[in-house]
PDB file of N, CA and C in Angstrom:
ATOM      1  N   MET A   1       0.848  -1.169   0.000  1.00  0.00           N
ATOM      2  CA  MET A   1       0.000   0.000   0.000  1.00  0.00           C
ATOM      3  C   MET A   1       0.899   1.239   0.000  1.00  0.00           C
ATOM      4  N   THR A   2       0.570   2.162  -0.858  1.00  0.00           N
ATOM      5  CA  THR A   2       1.388   3.372  -0.925  1.00  0.00           C
ATOM      6  C   THR A   2       0.916   4.377   0.116  1.00  0.00           C
ATOM      7  N   LEU A   3       1.753   5.336   0.384  1.00  0.00           N
ATOM      8  CA  LEU A   3       1.419   6.368   1.358  1.00  0.00           C
ATOM      9  C   LEU A   3       0.201   7.166   0.897  1.00  0.00           C
ATOM     10  N   LYS A   4       0.099   7.380  -0.404  1.00  0.00           N
ATOM     11  CA  LYS A   4      -1.029   8.137  -0.951  1.00  0.00           C
ATOM     12  C   LYS A   4      -2.350   7.407  -0.682  1.00  0.00           C
ATOM     13  N   SER A   5      -2.381   6.111  -0.898  1.00  0.00           N
ATOM     14  CA  SER A   5      -3.621   5.363  -0.678  1.00  0.00           C
ATOM     15  C   SER A   5      -3.956   5.246   0.805  1.00  0.00           C
ATOM     16  N   VAL A   6      -2.956   5.281   1.673  1.00  0.00           N
ATOM     17  CA  VAL A   6      -3.197   5.224   3.111  1.00  0.00           C
ATOM     18  C   VAL A   6      -3.984   6.459   3.555  1.00  0.00           C
ATOM     19  N   PHE A   7      -3.709   7.606   2.970  1.00  0.00           N
ATOM     20  CA  PHE A   7      -4.428   8.827   3.317  1.00  0.00           C
ATOM     21  C   PHE A   7      -5.696   9.002   2.499  1.00  0.00           C
ATOM     22  N   LEU A   8      -5.692   8.525   1.264  1.00  0.00           N
ATOM     23  CA  LEU A   8      -6.827   8.734   0.372  1.00  0.00           C
ATOM     24  C   LEU A   8      -8.044   7.908   0.770  1.00  0.00           C
ATOM     25  N   PHE A   9      -7.845   6.645   1.145  1.00  0.00           N
ATOM     26  CA  PHE A   9      -8.972   5.774   1.485  1.00  0.00           C
ATOM     27  C   PHE A   9      -9.781   6.306   2.667  1.00  0.00           C
ATOM     28  N   PRO A  10      -9.167   6.649   3.795  1.00  0.00           N
ATOM     29  CA  PRO A  10      -9.972   7.193   4.907  1.00  0.00           C
ATOM     30  C   PRO A  10     -10.661   8.514   4.550  1.00  0.00           C
ATOM     31  N   LEU A  11     -10.016   9.322   3.739  1.00  0.00           N
ATOM     32  CA  LEU A  11     -10.618  10.583   3.323  1.00  0.00           C
ATOM     33  C   LEU A  11     -11.885  10.334   2.500  1.00  0.00           C
ATOM     34  N   ILE A  12     -11.815   9.406   1.591  1.00  0.00           N
ATOM     35  CA  ILE A  12     -12.989   9.064   0.774  1.00  0.00           C
ATOM     36  C   ILE A  12     -14.083   8.473   1.646  1.00  0.00           C
ATOM     37  N   ALA A  13     -13.717   7.596   2.574  1.00  0.00           N
ATOM     38  CA  ALA A  13     -14.701   6.971   3.455  1.00  0.00           C
ATOM     39  C   ALA A  13     -15.401   8.022   4.323  1.00  0.00           C
ATOM     40  N   LEU A  14     -14.651   8.953   4.877  1.00  0.00           N
ATOM     41  CA  LEU A  14     -15.251   9.999   5.699  1.00  0.00           C
ATOM     42  C   LEU A  14     -16.160  10.919   4.875  1.00  0.00           C
ATOM     43  N   THR A  15     -15.762  11.194   3.654  1.00  0.00           N
ATOM     44  CA  THR A  15     -16.576  12.021   2.774  1.00  0.00           C
ATOM     45  C   THR A  15     -17.908  11.336   2.471  1.00  0.00           C
ATOM     46  N   MET A  16     -17.849  10.047   2.202  1.00  0.00           N
ATOM     47  CA  MET A  16     -19.069   9.293   1.911  1.00  0.00           C
ATOM     48  C   MET A  16     -19.988   9.250   3.136  1.00  0.00           C
ATOM     49  N   LEU A  17     -19.421   9.048   4.312  1.00  0.00           N
ATOM     50  CA  LEU A  17     -20.226   9.035   5.529  1.00  0.00           C
ATOM     51  C   LEU A  17     -20.852  10.408   5.787  1.00  0.00           C
ATOM     52  N   GLY A  18     -20.096  11.454   5.545  1.00  0.00           N
ATOM     53  CA  GLY A  18     -20.627  12.805   5.711  1.00  0.00           C
ATOM     54  C   GLY A  18     -21.776  13.081   4.765  1.00  0.00           C
ATOM     55  N   ALA A  19     -21.641  12.631   3.535  1.00  0.00           N
ATOM     56  CA  ALA A  19     -22.714  12.824   2.552  1.00  0.00           C
ATOM     57  C   ALA A  19     -23.961  12.055   2.959  1.00  0.00           C
ATOM     58  N   LEU A  20     -23.785  10.858   3.471  1.00  0.00           N
ATOM     59  CA  LEU A  20     -24.924  10.059   3.915  1.00  0.00           C
ATOM     60  C   LEU A  20     -25.621  10.727   5.096  1.00  0.00           C
ATOM     61  N   ALA A  21     -24.859  11.237   6.034  1.00  0.00           N
ATOM     62  CA  ALA A  21     -25.443  11.919   7.196  1.00  0.00           C
ATOM     63  C   ALA A  21     -26.192  13.176   6.758  1.00  0.00           C
ATOM     64  N   ALA A  22     -25.638  13.905   5.820  1.00  0.00           N
ATOM     65  CA  ALA A  22     -26.291  15.114   5.316  1.00  0.00           C
ATOM     66  C   ALA A  22     -27.602  14.756   4.627  1.00  0.00           C
ATOM     67  N   CYS A  23     -27.602  13.660   3.905  1.00  0.00           N
ATOM     68  CA  CYS A  23     -28.816  13.212   3.214  1.00  0.00           C
ATOM     69  C   CYS A  23     -29.924  12.948   4.227  1.00  0.00           C
ATOM     70  N   GLU A  24     -29.596  12.253   5.299  1.00  0.00           N
ATOM     71  CA  GLU A  24     -30.594  11.956   6.322  1.00  0.00           C
ATOM     72  C   GLU A  24     -31.084  13.234   6.993  1.00  0.00           C
ATOM     73  N   THR A  25     -30.202  14.175   7.211  1.00  0.00           N
ATOM     74  CA  THR A  25     -30.586  15.433   7.840  1.00  0.00           C
ATOM     75  C   THR A  25     -31.548  16.210   6.949  1.00  0.00           C
ATOM     76  N   VAL A  26     -31.256  16.272   5.669  1.00  0.00           N
ATOM     77  CA  VAL A  26     -32.123  16.989   4.724  1.00  0.00           C
ATOM     78  C   VAL A  26     -33.473  16.288   4.619  1.00  0.00           C
ATOM     79  N   LYS A  27     -33.460  14.963   4.630  1.00  0.00           N
ATOM     80  CA  LYS A  27     -34.715  14.211   4.568  1.00  0.00           C
ATOM     81  C   LYS A  27     -35.564  14.521   5.797  1.00  0.00           C
ATOM     82  N   GLY A  28     -34.955  14.544   6.964  1.00  0.00           N
ATOM     83  CA  GLY A  28     -35.685  14.852   8.192  1.00  0.00           C
ATOM     84  C   GLY A  28     -36.236  16.267   8.181  1.00  0.00           C
ATOM     85  N   ALA A  29     -35.445  17.197   7.684  1.00  0.00           N
ATOM     86  CA  ALA A  29     -35.905  18.590   7.600  1.00  0.00           C
ATOM     87  C   ALA A  29     -37.077  18.689   6.631  1.00  0.00           C
ATOM     88  N   GLY A  30     -37.003  17.974   5.532  1.00  0.00           N
ATOM     89  CA  GLY A  30     -38.106  17.977   4.563  1.00  0.00           C
ATOM     90  C   GLY A  30     -39.389  17.443   5.168  1.00  0.00           C
ATOM     91  N   GLU A  31     -39.271  16.395   5.975  1.00  0.00           N
ATOM     92  CA  GLU A  31     -40.457  15.843   6.627  1.00  0.00           C
ATOM     93  C   GLU A  31     -41.034  16.839   7.634  1.00  0.00           C
ATOM     94  N   ASP A  32     -40.162  17.544   8.358  1.00  0.00           N
ATOM     95  CA  ASP A  32     -40.636  18.555   9.309  1.00  0.00           C
ATOM     96  C   ASP A  32     -41.358  19.688   8.596  1.00  0.00           C
ATOM     97  N   ILE A  33     -40.814  20.128   7.483  1.00  0.00           N
ATOM     98  CA  ILE A  33     -41.432  21.205   6.709  1.00  0.00           C
ATOM     99  C   ILE A  33     -42.782  20.755   6.156  1.00  0.00           C
ATOM    100  N   GLU A  34     -42.845  19.510   5.700  1.00  0.00           N
ATOM    101  CA  GLU A  34     -44.099  18.979   5.174  1.00  0.00           C
ATOM    102  C   GLU A  34     -45.165  18.928   6.274  1.00  0.00           C
ATOM    103  N   THR A  35     -44.783  18.495   7.464  1.00  0.00           N
ATOM    104  CA  THR A  35     -45.714  18.435   8.582  1.00  0.00           C
ATOM    105  C   THR A  35     -46.215  19.832   8.955  1.00  0.00           C
ATOM    106  N   ALA A  36     -45.314  20.801   8.966  1.00  0.00           N
ATOM    107  CA  ALA A  36     -45.700  22.176   9.273  1.00  0.00           C
ATOM    108  C   ALA A  36     -46.655  22.710   8.202  1.00  0.00           C
ATOM    109  N   GLY A  37     -46.393  22.388   6.951  1.00  0.00           N
ATOM    110  CA  GLY A  37     -47.265  22.823   5.861  1.00  0.00           C
ATOM    111  C   GLY A  37     -48.660  22.231   5.984  1.00  0.00           C
ATOM    112  N   GLN A  38     -48.731  20.985   6.385  1.00  0.00           N
ATOM    113  CA  GLN A  38     -50.037  20.356   6.582  1.00  0.00           C
ATOM    114  C   GLN A  38     -50.793  21.017   7.734  1.00  0.00           C
ATOM    115  N   ALA A  39     -50.083  21.374   8.793  1.00  0.00           N
ATOM    116  CA  ALA A  39     -50.723  22.036   9.932  1.00  0.00           C
ATOM    117  C   ALA A  39     -51.274  23.394   9.511  1.00  0.00           C
ATOM    118  N   VAL A  40     -50.523  24.135   8.719  1.00  0.00           N
ATOM    119  CA  VAL A  40     -50.988  25.439   8.230  1.00  0.00           C
ATOM    120  C   VAL A  40     -52.207  25.252   7.329  1.00  0.00           C
ATOM    121  N   GLY A  41     -52.154  24.250   6.467  1.00  0.00           N
ATOM    122  CA  GLY A  41     -53.294  23.968   5.584  1.00  0.00           C
ATOM    123  C   GLY A  41     -54.541  23.601   6.366  1.00  0.00           C
ATOM    124  N   ASN A  42     -54.384  22.785   7.405  1.00  0.00           N
ATOM    125  CA  ASN A  42     -55.528  22.412   8.240  1.00  0.00           C
ATOM    126  C   ASN A  42     -56.098  23.619   8.967  1.00  0.00           C
ATOM    127  N   ALA A  43     -55.229  24.466   9.483  1.00  0.00           N
ATOM    128  CA  ALA A  43     -55.682  25.677  10.177  1.00  0.00           C
ATOM    129  C   ALA A  43     -56.439  26.584   9.217  1.00  0.00           C
ATOM    130  N   ALA A  44     -55.973  26.689   7.977  1.00  0.00           N
ATOM    131  CA  ALA A  44     -56.640  27.529   6.981  1.00  0.00           C
ATOM    132  C   ALA A  44     -58.026  26.981   6.652  1.00  0.00           C
ATOM    133  N   GLU A  45     -58.133  25.666   6.541  1.00  0.00           N
ATOM    134  CA  GLU A  45     -59.434  25.054   6.272  1.00  0.00           C
ATOM    135  C   GLU A  45     -60.398  25.286   7.421  1.00  0.00           C
ATOM    136  N   GLU A  46     -59.914  25.179   8.644  1.00  0.00           N
ATOM    137  CA  GLU A  46     -60.765  25.402   9.814  1.00  0.00           C
ATOM    138  C   GLU A  46     -61.216  26.861   9.897  1.00  0.00           C
ATOM    139  N   ALA A  47     -60.350  27.784   9.483  1.00  0.00           N
ATOM    140  CA  ALA A  47     -60.682  29.207   9.523  1.00  0.00           C
ATOM    141  C   ALA A  47     -61.773  29.532   8.501  1.00  0.00           C
ATOM    142  N   GLU A  48     -61.832  28.793   7.397  1.00  0.00           N
ATOM    143  CA  GLU A  48     -62.847  29.024   6.371  1.00  0.00           C
ATOM    144  C   GLU A  48     -64.227  28.631   6.873  1.00  0.00           C
ATOM    145  N   ASP A  49     -64.288  27.647   7.753  1.00  0.00           N
ATOM    146  CA  ASP A  49     -65.593  27.134   8.247  1.00  0.00           C
ATOM    147  C   ASP A  49     -66.233  28.034   9.214  1.00  0.00           C
TER     148      ASP A  49
END
C-alpha cells in the first residue's frame, strides 16, 4: 500500500459518511417542513368554516 492510498482511502470513506449523514438530515428537515405545511393547511381550512 502506498502512502497516498493510506491517506486517500480514509478521506474518501469519511466524505461518503458525511454525505450520507447530510442526506438523512435533509430528509428529516423535509419531513418537518411537510408536517408544518399540513398544519398550516388544516388551520386555513378550519378558519374558512
